[in-house]
Amino acid sequence: DIASNAMDELIRLLQTNEPLWMKSADGREVLNLENYE
């Protein structure tokens, strides 16, 4: 069950851009913690 739920979350993290991910000052993709939570 834990692995299945983790897989669902990972796929959303992989396939979703904004608002989960944002660009840092050096151009890296970092997680938007407020939206993630």
ModelCIF file with pLDDT and N, C-alpha, C, O atoms, coordinates in Angstrom:
data_MODEL
#
_entry.id   MODEL 
#
_entity.id                         1 
_entity.type                       polymer 
_entity.pdbx_number_of_molecules   1 
#
_entity_poly.entity_id                      1 
_entity_poly.type                           'polypeptide(L)' 
_entity_poly.nstd_linkage                   no 
_entity_poly.nstd_monomer                   no 
_entity_poly.pdbx_seq_one_letter_code       DIASNAMDELIRLLQTNEPLWMKSADGREVLNLENYE 
_entity_poly.pdbx_seq_one_letter_code_can   DIASNAMDELIRLLQTNEPLWMKSADGREVLNLENYE 
_entity_poly.pdbx_strand_id                 A 
#
loop_
_entity_poly_seq.entity_id 
_entity_poly_seq.num 
_entity_poly_seq.mon_id 
_entity_poly_seq.hetero 
1 1  ASP n 
1 2  ILE n 
1 3  ALA n 
1 4  SER n 
1 5  ASN n 
1 6  ALA n 
1 7  MET n 
1 8  ASP n 
1 9  GLU n 
1 10 LEU n 
1 11 ILE n 
1 12 ARG n 
1 13 LEU n 
1 14 LEU n 
1 15 GLN n 
1 16 THR n 
1 17 ASN n 
1 18 GLU n 
1 19 PRO n 
1 20 LEU n 
1 21 TRP n 
1 22 MET n 
1 23 LYS n 
1 24 SER n 
1 25 ALA n 
1 26 ASP n 
1 27 GLY n 
1 28 ARG n 
1 29 GLU n 
1 30 VAL n 
1 31 LEU n 
1 32 ASN n 
1 33 LEU n 
1 34 GLU n 
1 35 ASN n 
1 36 TYR n 
1 37 GLU n 
#
_struct_asym.id          A 
_struct_asym.entity_id   1 
#
loop_
_ma_qa_metric.id 
_ma_qa_metric.mode 
_ma_qa_metric.name 
_ma_qa_metric.software_group_id 
_ma_qa_metric.type 
1 global pLDDT . pLDDT 
2 local  pLDDT . pLDDT 
#
_ma_qa_metric_global.metric_id      1 
_ma_qa_metric_global.metric_value   91.57 
_ma_qa_metric_global.model_id       1 
_ma_qa_metric_global.ordinal_id     1 
#
loop_
_ma_qa_metric_local.label_asym_id 
_ma_qa_metric_local.label_comp_id 
_ma_qa_metric_local.label_seq_id 
_ma_qa_metric_local.metric_id 
_ma_qa_metric_local.metric_value 
_ma_qa_metric_local.model_id 
_ma_qa_metric_local.ordinal_id 
A ASP 1  2 93.00 1 1  
A ILE 2  2 94.00 1 2  
A ALA 3  2 94.00 1 3  
A SER 4  2 93.00 1 4  
A ASN 5  2 94.00 1 5  
A ALA 6  2 95.00 1 6  
A MET 7  2 95.00 1 7  
A ASP 8  2 94.00 1 8  
A GLU 9  2 95.00 1 9  
A LEU 10 2 95.00 1 10 
A ILE 11 2 95.00 1 11 
A ARG 12 2 94.00 1 12 
A LEU 13 2 94.00 1 13 
A LEU 14 2 94.00 1 14 
A GLN 15 2 91.00 1 15 
A THR 16 2 89.00 1 16 
A ASN 17 2 88.00 1 17 
A GLU 18 2 85.00 1 18 
A PRO 19 2 88.00 1 19 
A LEU 20 2 91.00 1 20 
A TRP 21 2 94.00 1 21 
A MET 22 2 93.00 1 22 
A LYS 23 2 92.00 1 23 
A SER 24 2 88.00 1 24 
A ALA 25 2 85.00 1 25 
A ASP 26 2 83.00 1 26 
A GLY 27 2 87.00 1 27 
A ARG 28 2 91.00 1 28 
A GLU 29 2 94.00 1 29 
A VAL 30 2 94.00 1 30 
A LEU 31 2 93.00 1 31 
A ASN 32 2 92.00 1 32 
A LEU 33 2 90.00 1 33 
A GLU 34 2 90.00 1 34 
A ASN 35 2 91.00 1 35 
A TYR 36 2 91.00 1 36 
A GLU 37 2 89.00 1 37 
#
loop_
_atom_site.group_PDB 
_atom_site.id 
_atom_site.type_symbol 
_atom_site.label_atom_id 
_atom_site.label_alt_id 
_atom_site.label_comp_id 
_atom_site.label_asym_id 
_atom_site.label_entity_id 
_atom_site.label_seq_id 
_atom_site.pdbx_PDB_ins_code 
_atom_site.Cartn_x 
_atom_site.Cartn_y 
_atom_site.Cartn_z 
_atom_site.occupancy 
_atom_site.B_iso_or_equiv 
_atom_site.pdbx_formal_charge 
_atom_site.auth_seq_id 
_atom_site.auth_comp_id 
_atom_site.auth_asym_id 
_atom_site.auth_atom_id 
_atom_site.pdbx_PDB_model_num 
ATOM 1   N N  . ASP A 1 1  ? 0.834  -1.208 0.000   1.00 93.00 ? 1  ASP A N  1 
ATOM 2   C CA . ASP A 1 1  ? 0.000  0.000  0.000   1.00 93.00 ? 1  ASP A CA 1 
ATOM 3   C C  . ASP A 1 1  ? 0.866  1.255  0.000   1.00 93.00 ? 1  ASP A C  1 
ATOM 4   O O  . ASP A 1 1  ? 0.580  2.208  -0.724  1.00 93.00 ? 1  ASP A O  1 
ATOM 5   N N  . ILE A 1 2  ? 1.930  1.257  0.813   1.00 94.00 ? 2  ILE A N  1 
ATOM 6   C CA . ILE A 1 2  ? 2.819  2.414  0.874   1.00 94.00 ? 2  ILE A CA 1 
ATOM 7   C C  . ILE A 1 2  ? 3.468  2.650  -0.489  1.00 94.00 ? 2  ILE A C  1 
ATOM 8   O O  . ILE A 1 2  ? 3.531  3.784  -0.964  1.00 94.00 ? 2  ILE A O  1 
ATOM 9   N N  . ALA A 1 3  ? 3.948  1.576  -1.112  1.00 94.00 ? 3  ALA A N  1 
ATOM 10  C CA . ALA A 1 3  ? 4.608  1.708  -2.416  1.00 94.00 ? 3  ALA A CA 1 
ATOM 11  C C  . ALA A 1 3  ? 3.636  2.185  -3.484  1.00 94.00 ? 3  ALA A C  1 
ATOM 12  O O  . ALA A 1 3  ? 4.002  2.995  -4.335  1.00 94.00 ? 3  ALA A O  1 
ATOM 13  N N  . SER A 1 4  ? 2.398  1.691  -3.451  1.00 93.00 ? 4  SER A N  1 
ATOM 14  C CA . SER A 1 4  ? 1.408  2.095  -4.446  1.00 93.00 ? 4  SER A CA 1 
ATOM 15  C C  . SER A 1 4  ? 1.070  3.580  -4.304  1.00 93.00 ? 4  SER A C  1 
ATOM 16  O O  . SER A 1 4  ? 0.980  4.292  -5.304  1.00 93.00 ? 4  SER A O  1 
ATOM 17  N N  . ASN A 1 5  ? 0.884  4.049  -3.075  1.00 94.00 ? 5  ASN A N  1 
ATOM 18  C CA . ASN A 1 5  ? 0.607  5.472  -2.859  1.00 94.00 ? 5  ASN A CA 1 
ATOM 19  C C  . ASN A 1 5  ? 1.801  6.332  -3.264  1.00 94.00 ? 5  ASN A C  1 
ATOM 20  O O  . ASN A 1 5  ? 1.635  7.412  -3.830  1.00 94.00 ? 5  ASN A O  1 
ATOM 21  N N  . ALA A 1 6  ? 3.017  5.838  -2.965  1.00 95.00 ? 6  ALA A N  1 
ATOM 22  C CA . ALA A 1 6  ? 4.220  6.581  -3.351  1.00 95.00 ? 6  ALA A CA 1 
ATOM 23  C C  . ALA A 1 6  ? 4.339  6.671  -4.866  1.00 95.00 ? 6  ALA A C  1 
ATOM 24  O O  . ALA A 1 6  ? 4.753  7.701  -5.398  1.00 95.00 ? 6  ALA A O  1 
ATOM 25  N N  . MET A 1 7  ? 3.975  5.589  -5.568  1.00 95.00 ? 7  MET A N  1 
ATOM 26  C CA . MET A 1 7  ? 4.024  5.606  -7.026  1.00 95.00 ? 7  MET A CA 1 
ATOM 27  C C  . MET A 1 7  ? 3.059  6.642  -7.597  1.00 95.00 ? 7  MET A C  1 
ATOM 28  O O  . MET A 1 7  ? 3.405  7.357  -8.537  1.00 95.00 ? 7  MET A O  1 
ATOM 29  N N  . ASP A 1 8  ? 1.845  6.729  -7.034  1.00 94.00 ? 8  ASP A N  1 
ATOM 30  C CA . ASP A 1 8  ? 0.878  7.721  -7.505  1.00 94.00 ? 8  ASP A CA 1 
ATOM 31  C C  . ASP A 1 8  ? 1.416  9.139  -7.313  1.00 94.00 ? 8  ASP A C  1 
ATOM 32  O O  . ASP A 1 8  ? 1.276  9.990  -8.191  1.00 94.00 ? 8  ASP A O  1 
ATOM 33  N N  . GLU A 1 9  ? 2.038  9.384  -6.143  1.00 95.00 ? 9  GLU A N  1 
ATOM 34  C CA . GLU A 1 9  ? 2.576  10.715 -5.881  1.00 95.00 ? 9  GLU A CA 1 
ATOM 35  C C  . GLU A 1 9  ? 3.747  11.027 -6.810  1.00 95.00 ? 9  GLU A C  1 
ATOM 36  O O  . GLU A 1 9  ? 3.858  12.143 -7.319  1.00 95.00 ? 9  GLU A O  1 
ATOM 37  N N  . LEU A 1 10 ? 4.623  10.040 -7.033  1.00 95.00 ? 10 LEU A N  1 
ATOM 38  C CA . LEU A 1 10 ? 5.777  10.270 -7.897  1.00 95.00 ? 10 LEU A CA 1 
ATOM 39  C C  . LEU A 1 10 ? 5.346  10.607 -9.314  1.00 95.00 ? 10 LEU A C  1 
ATOM 40  O O  . LEU A 1 10 ? 5.912  11.511 -9.929  1.00 95.00 ? 10 LEU A O  1 
ATOM 41  N N  . ILE A 1 11 ? 4.356  9.900  -9.845  1.00 95.00 ? 11 ILE A N  1 
ATOM 42  C CA . ILE A 1 11 ? 3.917  10.155 -11.215 1.00 95.00 ? 11 ILE A CA 1 
ATOM 43  C C  . ILE A 1 11 ? 3.384  11.578 -11.346 1.00 95.00 ? 11 ILE A C  1 
ATOM 44  O O  . ILE A 1 11 ? 3.613  12.233 -12.362 1.00 95.00 ? 11 ILE A O  1 
ATOM 45  N N  . ARG A 1 12 ? 2.678  12.059 -10.328 1.00 94.00 ? 12 ARG A N  1 
ATOM 46  C CA . ARG A 1 12 ? 2.203  13.445 -10.371 1.00 94.00 ? 12 ARG A CA 1 
ATOM 47  C C  . ARG A 1 12 ? 3.379  14.424 -10.295 1.00 94.00 ? 12 ARG A C  1 
ATOM 48  O O  . ARG A 1 12 ? 3.374  15.460 -10.961 1.00 94.00 ? 12 ARG A O  1 
ATOM 49  N N  . LEU A 1 13 ? 4.380  14.091 -9.483  1.00 94.00 ? 13 LEU A N  1 
ATOM 50  C CA . LEU A 1 13 ? 5.558  14.951 -9.407  1.00 94.00 ? 13 LEU A CA 1 
ATOM 51  C C  . LEU A 1 13 ? 6.324  14.971 -10.722 1.00 94.00 ? 13 LEU A C  1 
ATOM 52  O O  . LEU A 1 13 ? 6.902  15.992 -11.093 1.00 94.00 ? 13 LEU A O  1 
ATOM 53  N N  . LEU A 1 14 ? 6.328  13.851 -11.419 1.00 94.00 ? 14 LEU A N  1 
ATOM 54  C CA . LEU A 1 14 ? 7.051  13.761 -12.681 1.00 94.00 ? 14 LEU A CA 1 
ATOM 55  C C  . LEU A 1 14 ? 6.331  14.490 -13.816 1.00 94.00 ? 14 LEU A C  1 
ATOM 56  O O  . LEU A 1 14 ? 6.967  15.094 -14.680 1.00 94.00 ? 14 LEU A O  1 
ATOM 57  N N  . GLN A 1 15 ? 5.008  14.426 -13.804 1.00 91.00 ? 15 GLN A N  1 
ATOM 58  C CA . GLN A 1 15 ? 4.240  14.914 -14.947 1.00 91.00 ? 15 GLN A CA 1 
ATOM 59  C C  . GLN A 1 15 ? 3.679  16.318 -14.755 1.00 91.00 ? 15 GLN A C  1 
ATOM 60  O O  . GLN A 1 15 ? 3.178  16.906 -15.713 1.00 91.00 ? 15 GLN A O  1 
ATOM 61  N N  . THR A 1 16 ? 3.749  16.876 -13.541 1.00 89.00 ? 16 THR A N  1 
ATOM 62  C CA . THR A 1 16 ? 3.188  18.197 -13.264 1.00 89.00 ? 16 THR A CA 1 
ATOM 63  C C  . THR A 1 16 ? 4.307  19.228 -13.209 1.00 89.00 ? 16 THR A C  1 
ATOM 64  O O  . THR A 1 16 ? 5.359  18.982 -12.619 1.00 89.00 ? 16 THR A O  1 
ATOM 65  N N  . ASN A 1 17 ? 4.082  20.361 -13.813 1.00 88.00 ? 17 ASN A N  1 
ATOM 66  C CA . ASN A 1 17 ? 5.049  21.465 -13.736 1.00 88.00 ? 17 ASN A CA 1 
ATOM 67  C C  . ASN A 1 17 ? 4.588  22.453 -12.674 1.00 88.00 ? 17 ASN A C  1 
ATOM 68  O O  . ASN A 1 17 ? 4.684  22.147 -11.486 1.00 88.00 ? 17 ASN A O  1 
ATOM 69  N N  . GLU A 1 18 ? 4.103  23.599 -13.046 1.00 85.00 ? 18 GLU A N  1 
ATOM 70  C CA . GLU A 1 18 ? 3.532  24.515 -12.073 1.00 85.00 ? 18 GLU A CA 1 
ATOM 71  C C  . GLU A 1 18 ? 2.165  23.985 -11.641 1.00 85.00 ? 18 GLU A C  1 
ATOM 72  O O  . GLU A 1 18 ? 1.468  23.399 -12.469 1.00 85.00 ? 18 GLU A O  1 
ATOM 73  N N  . PRO A 1 19 ? 1.751  24.161 -10.388 1.00 88.00 ? 19 PRO A N  1 
ATOM 74  C CA . PRO A 1 19 ? 2.407  24.953 -9.336  1.00 88.00 ? 19 PRO A CA 1 
ATOM 75  C C  . PRO A 1 19 ? 3.347  24.151 -8.439  1.00 88.00 ? 19 PRO A C  1 
ATOM 76  O O  . PRO A 1 19 ? 3.857  24.681 -7.452  1.00 88.00 ? 19 PRO A O  1 
ATOM 77  N N  . LEU A 1 20 ? 3.587  22.849 -8.777  1.00 91.00 ? 20 LEU A N  1 
ATOM 78  C CA . LEU A 1 20 ? 4.436  22.040 -7.903  1.00 91.00 ? 20 LEU A CA 1 
ATOM 79  C C  . LEU A 1 20 ? 5.903  22.428 -8.015  1.00 91.00 ? 20 LEU A C  1 
ATOM 80  O O  . LEU A 1 20 ? 6.623  22.427 -7.016  1.00 91.00 ? 20 LEU A O  1 
ATOM 81  N N  . TRP A 1 21 ? 6.351  22.758 -9.217  1.00 94.00 ? 21 TRP A N  1 
ATOM 82  C CA . TRP A 1 21 ? 7.761  23.033 -9.445  1.00 94.00 ? 21 TRP A CA 1 
ATOM 83  C C  . TRP A 1 21 ? 7.966  24.483 -9.881  1.00 94.00 ? 21 TRP A C  1 
ATOM 84  O O  . TRP A 1 21 ? 7.117  25.075 -10.547 1.00 94.00 ? 21 TRP A O  1 
ATOM 85  N N  . MET A 1 22 ? 9.093  25.028 -9.495  1.00 93.00 ? 22 MET A N  1 
ATOM 86  C CA . MET A 1 22 ? 9.439  26.391 -9.878  1.00 93.00 ? 22 MET A CA 1 
ATOM 87  C C  . MET A 1 22 ? 10.934 26.449 -10.158 1.00 93.00 ? 22 MET A C  1 
ATOM 88  O O  . MET A 1 22 ? 11.689 25.576 -9.730  1.00 93.00 ? 22 MET A O  1 
ATOM 89  N N  . LYS A 1 23 ? 11.352 27.476 -10.874 1.00 92.00 ? 23 LYS A N  1 
ATOM 90  C CA . LYS A 1 23 ? 12.754 27.660 -11.225 1.00 92.00 ? 23 LYS A CA 1 
ATOM 91  C C  . LYS A 1 23 ? 13.462 28.441 -10.116 1.00 92.00 ? 23 LYS A C  1 
ATOM 92  O O  . LYS A 1 23 ? 12.965 29.464 -9.644  1.00 92.00 ? 23 LYS A O  1 
ATOM 93  N N  . SER A 1 24 ? 14.641 27.937 -9.707  1.00 88.00 ? 24 SER A N  1 
ATOM 94  C CA . SER A 1 24 ? 15.443 28.642 -8.725  1.00 88.00 ? 24 SER A CA 1 
ATOM 95  C C  . SER A 1 24 ? 16.265 29.721 -9.418  1.00 88.00 ? 24 SER A C  1 
ATOM 96  O O  . SER A 1 24 ? 16.212 29.862 -10.640 1.00 88.00 ? 24 SER A O  1 
ATOM 97  N N  . ALA A 1 25 ? 17.021 30.479 -8.638  1.00 85.00 ? 25 ALA A N  1 
ATOM 98  C CA . ALA A 1 25 ? 17.810 31.577 -9.205  1.00 85.00 ? 25 ALA A CA 1 
ATOM 99  C C  . ALA A 1 25 ? 18.850 31.078 -10.192 1.00 85.00 ? 25 ALA A C  1 
ATOM 100 O O  . ALA A 1 25 ? 19.198 31.794 -11.132 1.00 85.00 ? 25 ALA A O  1 
ATOM 101 N N  . ASP A 1 26 ? 19.356 29.858 -9.997  1.00 83.00 ? 26 ASP A N  1 
ATOM 102 C CA . ASP A 1 26 ? 20.371 29.319 -10.909 1.00 83.00 ? 26 ASP A CA 1 
ATOM 103 C C  . ASP A 1 26 ? 19.773 28.421 -11.988 1.00 83.00 ? 26 ASP A C  1 
ATOM 104 O O  . ASP A 1 26 ? 20.503 27.701 -12.668 1.00 83.00 ? 26 ASP A O  1 
ATOM 105 N N  . GLY A 1 27 ? 18.430 28.459 -12.150 1.00 87.00 ? 27 GLY A N  1 
ATOM 106 C CA . GLY A 1 27 ? 17.793 27.735 -13.242 1.00 87.00 ? 27 GLY A CA 1 
ATOM 107 C C  . GLY A 1 27 ? 17.414 26.303 -12.932 1.00 87.00 ? 27 GLY A C  1 
ATOM 108 O O  . GLY A 1 27 ? 16.936 25.599 -13.821 1.00 87.00 ? 27 GLY A O  1 
ATOM 109 N N  . ARG A 1 28 ? 17.607 25.845 -11.705 1.00 91.00 ? 28 ARG A N  1 
ATOM 110 C CA . ARG A 1 28 ? 17.245 24.468 -11.339 1.00 91.00 ? 28 ARG A CA 1 
ATOM 111 C C  . ARG A 1 28 ? 15.754 24.370 -11.046 1.00 91.00 ? 28 ARG A C  1 
ATOM 112 O O  . ARG A 1 28 ? 15.119 25.351 -10.660 1.00 91.00 ? 28 ARG A O  1 
ATOM 113 N N  . GLU A 1 29 ? 15.201 23.169 -11.235 1.00 94.00 ? 29 GLU A N  1 
ATOM 114 C CA . GLU A 1 29 ? 13.813 22.914 -10.868 1.00 94.00 ? 29 GLU A CA 1 
ATOM 115 C C  . GLU A 1 29 ? 13.765 22.460 -9.416  1.00 94.00 ? 29 GLU A C  1 
ATOM 116 O O  . GLU A 1 29 ? 14.304 21.409 -9.068  1.00 94.00 ? 29 GLU A O  1 
ATOM 117 N N  . VAL A 1 30 ? 13.116 23.255 -8.569  1.00 94.00 ? 30 VAL A N  1 
ATOM 118 C CA . VAL A 1 30 ? 12.984 22.925 -7.150  1.00 94.00 ? 30 VAL A CA 1 
ATOM 119 C C  . VAL A 1 30 ? 11.504 22.898 -6.792  1.00 94.00 ? 30 VAL A C  1 
ATOM 120 O O  . VAL A 1 30 ? 10.672 23.485 -7.483  1.00 94.00 ? 30 VAL A O  1 
ATOM 121 N N  . LEU A 1 31 ? 11.193 22.209 -5.705  1.00 93.00 ? 31 LEU A N  1 
ATOM 122 C CA . LEU A 1 31 ? 9.811  21.991 -5.309  1.00 93.00 ? 31 LEU A CA 1 
ATOM 123 C C  . LEU A 1 31 ? 9.258  23.222 -4.590  1.00 93.00 ? 31 LEU A C  1 
ATOM 124 O O  . LEU A 1 31 ? 9.924  23.805 -3.733  1.00 93.00 ? 31 LEU A O  1 
ATOM 125 N N  . ASN A 1 32 ? 8.051  23.603 -4.945  1.00 92.00 ? 32 ASN A N  1 
ATOM 126 C CA . ASN A 1 32 ? 7.326  24.642 -4.223  1.00 92.00 ? 32 ASN A CA 1 
ATOM 127 C C  . ASN A 1 32 ? 6.670  23.979 -3.013  1.00 92.00 ? 32 ASN A C  1 
ATOM 128 O O  . ASN A 1 32 ? 5.637  23.323 -3.142  1.00 92.00 ? 32 ASN A O  1 
ATOM 129 N N  . LEU A 1 33 ? 7.276  24.154 -1.838  1.00 90.00 ? 33 LEU A N  1 
ATOM 130 C CA . LEU A 1 33 ? 6.859  23.398 -0.664  1.00 90.00 ? 33 LEU A CA 1 
ATOM 131 C C  . LEU A 1 33 ? 5.435  23.716 -0.241  1.00 90.00 ? 33 LEU A C  1 
ATOM 132 O O  . LEU A 1 33 ? 4.704  22.818 0.179   1.00 90.00 ? 33 LEU A O  1 
ATOM 133 N N  . GLU A 1 34 ? 5.023  24.982 -0.344  1.00 90.00 ? 34 GLU A N  1 
ATOM 134 C CA . GLU A 1 34 ? 3.667  25.335 0.069   1.00 90.00 ? 34 GLU A CA 1 
ATOM 135 C C  . GLU A 1 34 ? 2.628  24.609 -0.782  1.00 90.00 ? 34 GLU A C  1 
ATOM 136 O O  . GLU A 1 34 ? 1.682  24.032 -0.246  1.00 90.00 ? 34 GLU A O  1 
ATOM 137 N N  . ASN A 1 35 ? 2.795  24.632 -2.073  1.00 91.00 ? 35 ASN A N  1 
ATOM 138 C CA . ASN A 1 35 ? 1.851  23.932 -2.950  1.00 91.00 ? 35 ASN A CA 1 
ATOM 139 C C  . ASN A 1 35 ? 1.948  22.420 -2.782  1.00 91.00 ? 35 ASN A C  1 
ATOM 140 O O  . ASN A 1 35 ? 0.944  21.712 -2.852  1.00 91.00 ? 35 ASN A O  1 
ATOM 141 N N  . TYR A 1 36 ? 3.167  21.933 -2.560  1.00 91.00 ? 36 TYR A N  1 
ATOM 142 C CA . TYR A 1 36 ? 3.347  20.487 -2.368  1.00 91.00 ? 36 TYR A CA 1 
ATOM 143 C C  . TYR A 1 36 ? 2.592  20.012 -1.135  1.00 91.00 ? 36 TYR A C  1 
ATOM 144 O O  . TYR A 1 36 ? 1.910  18.988 -1.189  1.00 91.00 ? 36 TYR A O  1 
ATOM 145 N N  . GLU A 1 37 ? 2.702  20.733 -0.028  1.00 89.00 ? 37 GLU A N  1 
ATOM 146 C CA . GLU A 1 37 ? 2.025  20.325 1.203   1.00 89.00 ? 37 GLU A CA 1 
ATOM 147 C C  . GLU A 1 37 ? 0.513  20.458 1.069   1.00 89.00 ? 37 GLU A C  1 
ATOM 148 O O  . GLU A 1 37 ? -0.219 20.157 2.013   1.00 89.00 ? 37 GLU A O  1 
#
